[in-house]
Amino acid sequence: MQSLVRVGLVDEYRLVLNSVALGAGFPLFKDLPAPITLDLIQATTYANGAALHVHRPATGRSATPSPRS
């Protein structure tokens, strides 16, 4: 997946979140050439505590926040 992200071929991210604390894990977005700004399209929570978040890459906005005056 990481190589597809790097060349801009991913149009939607579906992330299932489970509240678990681990000491290690696989980095999902390792070695990106630049930050990606994502828009949250949908969020669904389930009775077991899991959550599904659907994101799409934002258009026309920078991933780097502007400095505050």
Protein backbone atom coordinates (compact mmCIF):
# COMPACT_ATOMS: atom_id res chain seq x y z
CA MET A 1 0.00 0.00 0.00
CA GLN A 2 2.81 2.43 0.80
CA SER A 3 4.06 2.49 -2.79
CA LEU A 4 0.53 3.26 -4.04
CA VAL A 5 0.25 6.15 -1.55
CA ARG A 6 3.60 7.58 -2.66
CA VAL A 7 2.47 7.86 -6.29
CA GLY A 8 -1.02 9.19 -5.46
CA LEU A 9 -3.06 6.14 -6.49
CA VAL A 10 -5.09 5.82 -3.27
CA ASP A 11 -8.40 7.67 -3.42
CA GLU A 12 -9.90 6.44 -0.13
CA TYR A 13 -8.61 5.15 3.21
CA ARG A 14 -10.78 2.90 5.40
CA LEU A 15 -9.26 2.56 8.83
CA VAL A 16 -10.72 0.30 11.52
CA LEU A 17 -9.64 1.49 14.95
CA ASN A 18 -9.53 -0.80 17.98
CA SER A 19 -8.61 0.66 21.36
CA VAL A 20 -5.59 -1.47 22.25
CA ALA A 21 -2.22 -0.34 23.59
CA LEU A 22 0.70 -2.20 22.03
CA GLY A 23 4.41 -1.82 22.58
CA ALA A 24 5.20 -2.19 18.88
CA GLY A 25 3.49 -2.36 15.54
CA PHE A 26 3.67 -1.91 11.79
CA PRO A 27 3.83 1.76 10.69
CA LEU A 28 0.98 2.24 8.26
CA PHE A 29 2.23 5.43 6.59
CA LYS A 30 5.99 5.01 6.82
CA ASP A 31 8.35 6.92 4.51
CA LEU A 32 5.82 9.24 2.89
CA PRO A 33 7.51 11.93 0.80
CA ALA A 34 5.25 14.58 2.41
CA PRO A 35 2.31 14.73 4.82
CA ILE A 36 -1.12 13.98 3.33
CA THR A 37 -4.13 16.02 4.38
CA LEU A 38 -7.20 13.81 4.66
CA ASP A 39 -10.89 14.71 4.91
CA LEU A 40 -13.01 12.53 7.20
CA ILE A 41 -15.91 11.35 5.05
CA GLN A 42 -17.60 8.91 7.42
CA ALA A 43 -17.18 7.69 11.00
CA THR A 44 -19.04 4.70 12.41
CA THR A 45 -18.68 3.24 15.90
CA TYR A 46 -19.66 -0.27 16.90
CA ALA A 47 -20.90 -1.81 20.16
CA ASN A 48 -17.54 -3.54 20.73
CA GLY A 49 -15.77 -0.16 20.77
CA ALA A 50 -14.27 -0.42 17.27
CA ALA A 51 -14.60 2.55 14.93
CA LEU A 52 -14.51 2.73 11.14
CA HIS A 53 -13.14 5.97 9.70
CA VAL A 54 -13.33 6.65 5.98
CA HIS A 55 -10.97 9.37 4.70
CA ARG A 56 -10.25 10.84 1.28
CA PRO A 57 -7.26 12.97 0.32
CA ALA A 58 -8.14 16.66 0.63
CA THR A 59 -8.04 18.76 -2.50
CA GLY A 60 -6.59 22.24 -2.60
CA ARG A 61 -5.29 22.32 1.01
CA SER A 62 -1.79 21.93 2.33
CA ALA A 63 -0.96 19.29 4.93
CA THR A 64 1.30 21.76 6.69
CA PRO A 65 -0.64 24.04 9.06
CA SER A 66 -0.22 27.77 8.62
CA PRO A 67 1.59 29.62 11.40
CA ARG A 68 -0.75 31.54 13.67
CA SER A 69 -0.37 35.29 13.88
